[in-house]
Amino acid sequence: MTRATQSPALTLLTASPRLPLIASLAVRFAAVVTKWEQRRRTRVNLGRLDDRLLKDVGLTRMAAHQEMNRRFWQF
């Protein structure tokens, strides 16, 4: 699976010392939810690939099925 990269704006907000605690928590929460959604979408789309495309990315149907069955919060 690909790793999500953090946007420069989000990095700036997270690193800012002036950000109030509640805002900092909200930014972190939004980042986590965004990662979860990306994982969910990626796993759903993985299930739509045919065997030829799976072979192109180096996965078997069994490996793709195992990845698809993982929960969105799991790595």
PDB file of N, CA and C in Angstrom:
ATOM      1  N   MET A   1       0.842  -1.172   0.000  1.00  0.00           N
ATOM      2  CA  MET A   1       0.000   0.000   0.000  1.00  0.00           C
ATOM      3  C   MET A   1       0.892   1.242   0.000  1.00  0.00           C
ATOM      4  N   THR A   2       0.368   2.275  -0.556  1.00  0.00           N
ATOM      5  CA  THR A   2       1.137   3.499  -0.570  1.00  0.00           C
ATOM      6  C   THR A   2       0.947   4.242   0.741  1.00  0.00           C
ATOM      7  N   ARG A   3       1.906   5.011   1.086  1.00  0.00           N
ATOM      8  CA  ARG A   3       1.806   5.814   2.301  1.00  0.00           C
ATOM      9  C   ARG A   3       1.291   7.198   1.940  1.00  0.00           C
ATOM     10  N   ALA A   4       0.395   7.700   2.751  1.00  0.00           N
ATOM     11  CA  ALA A   4      -0.126   9.041   2.527  1.00  0.00           C
ATOM     12  C   ALA A   4       0.915  10.057   2.967  1.00  0.00           C
ATOM     13  N   THR A   5       1.095  11.069   2.170  1.00  0.00           N
ATOM     14  CA  THR A   5       2.016  12.132   2.555  1.00  0.00           C
ATOM     15  C   THR A   5       1.220  13.260   3.171  1.00  0.00           C
ATOM     16  N   GLN A   6       1.801  13.890   4.129  1.00  0.00           N
ATOM     17  CA  GLN A   6       1.147  14.984   4.819  1.00  0.00           C
ATOM     18  C   GLN A   6       1.321  16.251   4.005  1.00  0.00           C
ATOM     19  N   SER A   7       0.255  17.003   3.846  1.00  0.00           N
ATOM     20  CA  SER A   7       0.338  18.228   3.061  1.00  0.00           C
ATOM     21  C   SER A   7       1.178  19.267   3.799  1.00  0.00           C
ATOM     22  N   PRO A   8       1.835  20.156   3.050  1.00  0.00           N
ATOM     23  CA  PRO A   8       2.647  21.196   3.699  1.00  0.00           C
ATOM     24  C   PRO A   8       1.821  22.088   4.626  1.00  0.00           C
ATOM     25  N   ALA A   9       0.573  22.358   4.241  1.00  0.00           N
ATOM     26  CA  ALA A   9      -0.269  23.209   5.084  1.00  0.00           C
ATOM     27  C   ALA A   9      -0.576  22.520   6.410  1.00  0.00           C
ATOM     28  N   LEU A  10      -0.844  21.229   6.366  1.00  0.00           N
ATOM     29  CA  LEU A  10      -1.127  20.482   7.587  1.00  0.00           C
ATOM     30  C   LEU A  10       0.110  20.389   8.466  1.00  0.00           C
ATOM     31  N   THR A  11       1.262  20.204   7.857  1.00  0.00           N
ATOM     32  CA  THR A  11       2.512  20.172   8.605  1.00  0.00           C
ATOM     33  C   THR A  11       2.744  21.503   9.317  1.00  0.00           C
ATOM     34  N   LEU A  12       2.496  22.586   8.616  1.00  0.00           N
ATOM     35  CA  LEU A  12       2.664  23.916   9.197  1.00  0.00           C
ATOM     36  C   LEU A  12       1.713  24.129  10.370  1.00  0.00           C
ATOM     37  N   LEU A  13       0.458  23.717  10.195  1.00  0.00           N
ATOM     38  CA  LEU A  13      -0.519  23.882  11.276  1.00  0.00           C
ATOM     39  C   LEU A  13      -0.144  23.044  12.494  1.00  0.00           C
ATOM     40  N   THR A  14       0.269  21.837  12.261  1.00  0.00           N
ATOM     41  CA  THR A  14       0.616  20.946  13.367  1.00  0.00           C
ATOM     42  C   THR A  14       1.851  21.437  14.115  1.00  0.00           C
ATOM     43  N   ALA A  15       2.808  21.987  13.395  1.00  0.00           N
ATOM     44  CA  ALA A  15       4.064  22.420  14.011  1.00  0.00           C
ATOM     45  C   ALA A  15       3.971  23.813  14.639  1.00  0.00           C
ATOM     46  N   SER A  16       2.919  24.532  14.372  1.00  0.00           N
ATOM     47  CA  SER A  16       2.802  25.902  14.854  1.00  0.00           C
ATOM     48  C   SER A  16       2.647  25.941  16.373  1.00  0.00           C
ATOM     49  N   PRO A  17       3.538  26.678  17.072  1.00  0.00           N
ATOM     50  CA  PRO A  17       3.433  26.758  18.531  1.00  0.00           C
ATOM     51  C   PRO A  17       2.281  27.652  18.984  1.00  0.00           C
ATOM     52  N   ARG A  18       1.740  28.472  18.098  1.00  0.00           N
ATOM     53  CA  ARG A  18       0.686  29.412  18.465  1.00  0.00           C
ATOM     54  C   ARG A  18      -0.703  28.792  18.407  1.00  0.00           C
ATOM     55  N   LEU A  19      -0.811  27.597  17.890  1.00  0.00           N
ATOM     56  CA  LEU A  19      -2.094  26.944  17.726  1.00  0.00           C
ATOM     57  C   LEU A  19      -2.649  26.538  19.091  1.00  0.00           C
ATOM     58  N   PRO A  20      -3.870  26.953  19.411  1.00  0.00           N
ATOM     59  CA  PRO A  20      -4.469  26.556  20.691  1.00  0.00           C
ATOM     60  C   PRO A  20      -4.623  25.034  20.762  1.00  0.00           C
ATOM     61  N   LEU A  21      -4.680  24.516  21.957  1.00  0.00           N
ATOM     62  CA  LEU A  21      -4.750  23.074  22.179  1.00  0.00           C
ATOM     63  C   LEU A  21      -5.919  22.437  21.437  1.00  0.00           C
ATOM     64  N   ILE A  22      -7.095  23.018  21.535  1.00  0.00           N
ATOM     65  CA  ILE A  22      -8.274  22.424  20.899  1.00  0.00           C
ATOM     66  C   ILE A  22      -8.120  22.416  19.374  1.00  0.00           C
ATOM     67  N   ALA A  23      -7.508  23.462  18.830  1.00  0.00           N
ATOM     68  CA  ALA A  23      -7.286  23.509  17.381  1.00  0.00           C
ATOM     69  C   ALA A  23      -6.261  22.462  16.967  1.00  0.00           C
ATOM     70  N   SER A  24      -5.244  22.297  17.769  1.00  0.00           N
ATOM     71  CA  SER A  24      -4.223  21.287  17.497  1.00  0.00           C
ATOM     72  C   SER A  24      -4.837  19.884  17.506  1.00  0.00           C
ATOM     73  N   LEU A  25      -5.683  19.617  18.476  1.00  0.00           N
ATOM     74  CA  LEU A  25      -6.364  18.321  18.541  1.00  0.00           C
ATOM     75  C   LEU A  25      -7.281  18.120  17.339  1.00  0.00           C
ATOM     76  N   ALA A  26      -7.964  19.166  16.931  1.00  0.00           N
ATOM     77  CA  ALA A  26      -8.861  19.073  15.773  1.00  0.00           C
ATOM     78  C   ALA A  26      -8.079  18.784  14.493  1.00  0.00           C
ATOM     79  N   VAL A  27      -6.923  19.411  14.334  1.00  0.00           N
ATOM     80  CA  VAL A  27      -6.087  19.176  13.151  1.00  0.00           C
ATOM     81  C   VAL A  27      -5.580  17.732  13.148  1.00  0.00           C
ATOM     82  N   ARG A  28      -5.141  17.252  14.288  1.00  0.00           N
ATOM     83  CA  ARG A  28      -4.658  15.864  14.370  1.00  0.00           C
ATOM     84  C   ARG A  28      -5.779  14.870  14.093  1.00  0.00           C
ATOM     85  N   PHE A  29      -6.954  15.147  14.635  1.00  0.00           N
ATOM     86  CA  PHE A  29      -8.102  14.281  14.402  1.00  0.00           C
ATOM     87  C   PHE A  29      -8.458  14.250  12.917  1.00  0.00           C
ATOM     88  N   ALA A  30      -8.473  15.414  12.279  1.00  0.00           N
ATOM     89  CA  ALA A  30      -8.766  15.488  10.842  1.00  0.00           C
ATOM     90  C   ALA A  30      -7.733  14.714  10.031  1.00  0.00           C
ATOM     91  N   ALA A  31      -6.470  14.785  10.425  1.00  0.00           N
ATOM     92  CA  ALA A  31      -5.415  14.059   9.714  1.00  0.00           C
ATOM     93  C   ALA A  31      -5.618  12.552   9.835  1.00  0.00           C
ATOM     94  N   VAL A  32      -5.977  12.081  11.014  1.00  0.00           N
ATOM     95  CA  VAL A  32      -6.200  10.649  11.229  1.00  0.00           C
ATOM     96  C   VAL A  32      -7.399  10.169  10.418  1.00  0.00           C
ATOM     97  N   VAL A  33      -8.486  10.922  10.451  1.00  0.00           N
ATOM     98  CA  VAL A  33      -9.688  10.541   9.703  1.00  0.00           C
ATOM     99  C   VAL A  33      -9.399  10.530   8.203  1.00  0.00           C
ATOM    100  N   THR A  34      -8.601  11.474   7.734  1.00  0.00           N
ATOM    101  CA  THR A  34      -8.227  11.519   6.320  1.00  0.00           C
ATOM    102  C   THR A  34      -7.423  10.287   5.934  1.00  0.00           C
ATOM    103  N   LYS A  35      -6.487   9.879   6.763  1.00  0.00           N
ATOM    104  CA  LYS A  35      -5.706   8.657   6.496  1.00  0.00           C
ATOM    105  C   LYS A  35      -6.599   7.431   6.459  1.00  0.00           C
ATOM    106  N   TRP A  36      -7.529   7.343   7.401  1.00  0.00           N
ATOM    107  CA  TRP A  36      -8.447   6.208   7.427  1.00  0.00           C
ATOM    108  C   TRP A  36      -9.278   6.139   6.153  1.00  0.00           C
ATOM    109  N   GLU A  37      -9.783   7.275   5.710  1.00  0.00           N
ATOM    110  CA  GLU A  37     -10.600   7.312   4.500  1.00  0.00           C
ATOM    111  C   GLU A  37      -9.779   6.916   3.273  1.00  0.00           C
ATOM    112  N   GLN A  38      -8.551   7.366   3.214  1.00  0.00           N
ATOM    113  CA  GLN A  38      -7.691   7.002   2.092  1.00  0.00           C
ATOM    114  C   GLN A  38      -7.435   5.498   2.079  1.00  0.00           C
ATOM    115  N   ARG A  39      -7.181   4.907   3.236  1.00  0.00           N
ATOM    116  CA  ARG A  39      -6.983   3.461   3.309  1.00  0.00           C
ATOM    117  C   ARG A  39      -8.234   2.709   2.864  1.00  0.00           C
ATOM    118  N   ARG A  40      -9.383   3.171   3.317  1.00  0.00           N
ATOM    119  CA  ARG A  40     -10.634   2.517   2.945  1.00  0.00           C
ATOM    120  C   ARG A  40     -10.841   2.554   1.438  1.00  0.00           C
ATOM    121  N   ARG A  41     -10.661   3.743   0.838  1.00  0.00           N
ATOM    122  CA  ARG A  41     -10.838   3.880  -0.613  1.00  0.00           C
ATOM    123  C   ARG A  41      -9.840   3.023  -1.380  1.00  0.00           C
ATOM    124  N   THR A  42      -8.597   2.998  -0.923  1.00  0.00           N
ATOM    125  CA  THR A  42      -7.564   2.219  -1.587  1.00  0.00           C
ATOM    126  C   THR A  42      -7.917   0.742  -1.558  1.00  0.00           C
ATOM    127  N   ARG A  43      -8.385   0.260  -0.434  1.00  0.00           N
ATOM    128  CA  ARG A  43      -8.726  -1.160  -0.309  1.00  0.00           C
ATOM    129  C   ARG A  43      -9.962  -1.518  -1.131  1.00  0.00           C
ATOM    130  N   VAL A  44     -10.922  -0.628  -1.206  1.00  0.00           N
ATOM    131  CA  VAL A  44     -12.089  -0.874  -2.058  1.00  0.00           C
ATOM    132  C   VAL A  44     -11.660  -0.947  -3.515  1.00  0.00           C
ATOM    133  N   ASN A  45     -10.823  -0.011  -3.941  1.00  0.00           N
ATOM    134  CA  ASN A  45     -10.359  -0.005  -5.329  1.00  0.00           C
ATOM    135  C   ASN A  45      -9.479  -1.203  -5.644  1.00  0.00           C
ATOM    136  N   LEU A  46      -8.746  -1.692  -4.677  1.00  0.00           N
ATOM    137  CA  LEU A  46      -7.924  -2.880  -4.867  1.00  0.00           C
ATOM    138  C   LEU A  46      -8.797  -4.074  -5.240  1.00  0.00           C
ATOM    139  N   GLY A  47      -9.964  -4.147  -4.649  1.00  0.00           N
ATOM    140  CA  GLY A  47     -10.888  -5.230  -4.949  1.00  0.00           C
ATOM    141  C   GLY A  47     -11.449  -5.165  -6.356  1.00  0.00           C
ATOM    142  N   ARG A  48     -11.361  -4.028  -6.989  1.00  0.00           N
ATOM    143  CA  ARG A  48     -11.886  -3.858  -8.347  1.00  0.00           C
ATOM    144  C   ARG A  48     -10.857  -4.184  -9.430  1.00  0.00           C
ATOM    145  N   LEU A  49      -9.611  -4.435  -9.042  1.00  0.00           N
ATOM    146  CA  LEU A  49      -8.580  -4.726 -10.028  1.00  0.00           C
ATOM    147  C   LEU A  49      -8.706  -6.165 -10.528  1.00  0.00           C
ATOM    148  N   ASP A  50      -8.463  -6.342 -11.817  1.00  0.00           N
ATOM    149  CA  ASP A  50      -8.465  -7.703 -12.356  1.00  0.00           C
ATOM    150  C   ASP A  50      -7.093  -8.342 -12.111  1.00  0.00           C
ATOM    151  N   ASP A  51      -6.996  -9.626 -12.418  1.00  0.00           N
ATOM    152  CA  ASP A  51      -5.761 -10.373 -12.130  1.00  0.00           C
ATOM    153  C   ASP A  51      -4.545  -9.800 -12.853  1.00  0.00           C
ATOM    154  N   ARG A  52      -4.746  -9.300 -14.058  1.00  0.00           N
ATOM    155  CA  ARG A  52      -3.633  -8.717 -14.827  1.00  0.00           C
ATOM    156  C   ARG A  52      -3.074  -7.484 -14.117  1.00  0.00           C
ATOM    157  N   LEU A  53      -3.957  -6.616 -13.644  1.00  0.00           N
ATOM    158  CA  LEU A  53      -3.498  -5.412 -12.940  1.00  0.00           C
ATOM    159  C   LEU A  53      -2.872  -5.757 -11.590  1.00  0.00           C
ATOM    160  N   LEU A  54      -3.430  -6.742 -10.918  1.00  0.00           N
ATOM    161  CA  LEU A  54      -2.838  -7.175  -9.647  1.00  0.00           C
ATOM    162  C   LEU A  54      -1.423  -7.688  -9.871  1.00  0.00           C
ATOM    163  N   LYS A  55      -1.236  -8.447 -10.955  1.00  0.00           N
ATOM    164  CA  LYS A  55       0.095  -8.949 -11.269  1.00  0.00           C
ATOM    165  C   LYS A  55       1.055  -7.791 -11.545  1.00  0.00           C
ATOM    166  N   ASP A  56       0.554  -6.732 -12.208  1.00  0.00           N
ATOM    167  CA  ASP A  56       1.386  -5.558 -12.492  1.00  0.00           C
ATOM    168  C   ASP A  56       1.912  -4.895 -11.218  1.00  0.00           C
ATOM    169  N   VAL A  57       1.112  -4.899 -10.166  1.00  0.00           N
ATOM    170  CA  VAL A  57       1.546  -4.277  -8.906  1.00  0.00           C
ATOM    171  C   VAL A  57       2.173  -5.291  -7.953  1.00  0.00           C
ATOM    172  N   GLY A  58       2.293  -6.535  -8.414  1.00  0.00           N
ATOM    173  CA  GLY A  58       2.995  -7.540  -7.630  1.00  0.00           C
ATOM    174  C   GLY A  58       2.172  -8.212  -6.555  1.00  0.00           C
ATOM    175  N   LEU A  59       0.857  -8.291  -6.762  1.00  0.00           N
ATOM    176  CA  LEU A  59      -0.008  -8.936  -5.779  1.00  0.00           C
ATOM    177  C   LEU A  59      -0.739 -10.117  -6.401  1.00  0.00           C
ATOM    178  N   THR A  60      -0.988 -11.116  -5.583  1.00  0.00           N
ATOM    179  CA  THR A  60      -1.841 -12.219  -6.008  1.00  0.00           C
ATOM    180  C   THR A  60      -3.271 -11.872  -5.602  1.00  0.00           C
ATOM    181  N   ARG A  61      -4.217 -12.620  -6.133  1.00  0.00           N
ATOM    182  CA  ARG A  61      -5.623 -12.407  -5.757  1.00  0.00           C
ATOM    183  C   ARG A  61      -5.791 -12.650  -4.259  1.00  0.00           C
ATOM    184  N   MET A  62      -5.107 -13.650  -3.722  1.00  0.00           N
ATOM    185  CA  MET A  62      -5.203 -13.958  -2.285  1.00  0.00           C
ATOM    186  C   MET A  62      -4.649 -12.802  -1.442  1.00  0.00           C
ATOM    187  N   ALA A  63      -3.493 -12.257  -1.818  1.00  0.00           N
ATOM    188  CA  ALA A  63      -2.902 -11.140  -1.072  1.00  0.00           C
ATOM    189  C   ALA A  63      -3.807  -9.913  -1.144  1.00  0.00           C
ATOM    190  N   ALA A  64      -4.393  -9.673  -2.308  1.00  0.00           N
ATOM    191  CA  ALA A  64      -5.305  -8.531  -2.460  1.00  0.00           C
ATOM    192  C   ALA A  64      -6.532  -8.735  -1.578  1.00  0.00           C
ATOM    193  N   HIS A  65      -7.037  -9.947  -1.540  1.00  0.00           N
ATOM    194  CA  HIS A  65      -8.208 -10.247  -0.715  1.00  0.00           C
ATOM    195  C   HIS A  65      -7.897 -10.047   0.767  1.00  0.00           C
ATOM    196  N   GLN A  66      -6.722 -10.472   1.196  1.00  0.00           N
ATOM    197  CA  GLN A  66      -6.325 -10.281   2.593  1.00  0.00           C
ATOM    198  C   GLN A  66      -6.228  -8.790   2.931  1.00  0.00           C
ATOM    199  N   GLU A  67      -5.670  -8.007   2.015  1.00  0.00           N
ATOM    200  CA  GLU A  67      -5.550  -6.564   2.245  1.00  0.00           C
ATOM    201  C   GLU A  67      -6.927  -5.908   2.280  1.00  0.00           C
ATOM    202  N   MET A  68      -7.811  -6.331   1.398  1.00  0.00           N
ATOM    203  CA  MET A  68      -9.157  -5.757   1.349  1.00  0.00           C
ATOM    204  C   MET A  68      -9.939  -6.023   2.621  1.00  0.00           C
ATOM    205  N   ASN A  69      -9.661  -7.148   3.279  1.00  0.00           N
ATOM    206  CA  ASN A  69     -10.403  -7.514   4.489  1.00  0.00           C
ATOM    207  C   ASN A  69      -9.888  -6.837   5.755  1.00  0.00           C
ATOM    208  N   ARG A  70      -8.811  -6.096   5.648  1.00  0.00           N
ATOM    209  CA  ARG A  70      -8.296  -5.372   6.816  1.00  0.00           C
ATOM    210  C   ARG A  70      -9.204  -4.188   7.121  1.00  0.00           C
ATOM    211  N   ARG A  71      -9.272  -3.819   8.367  1.00  0.00           N
ATOM    212  CA  ARG A  71     -10.059  -2.662   8.795  1.00  0.00           C
ATOM    213  C   ARG A  71      -9.339  -1.374   8.414  1.00  0.00           C
ATOM    214  N   PHE A  72     -10.085  -0.298   8.289  1.00  0.00           N
ATOM    215  CA  PHE A  72      -9.503   0.972   7.832  1.00  0.00           C
ATOM    216  C   PHE A  72      -8.450   1.527   8.766  1.00  0.00           C
ATOM    217  N   TRP A  73      -8.488   1.169  10.027  1.00  0.00           N
ATOM    218  CA  TRP A  73      -7.498   1.696  10.968  1.00  0.00           C
ATOM    219  C   TRP A  73      -6.234   0.845  11.020  1.00  0.00           C
ATOM    220  N   GLN A  74      -6.241  -0.307  10.363  1.00  0.00           N
ATOM    221  CA  GLN A  74      -5.082  -1.193  10.384  1.00  0.00           C
ATOM    222  C   GLN A  74      -4.090  -0.821   9.284  1.00  0.00           C
ATOM    223  N   PHE A  75      -2.810  -0.961   9.576  1.00  0.00           N
ATOM    224  CA  PHE A  75      -1.772  -0.681   8.591  1.00  0.00           C
ATOM    225  C   PHE A  75      -1.622  -1.840   7.664  1.00  0.00           C
TER     226      PHE A  75
END
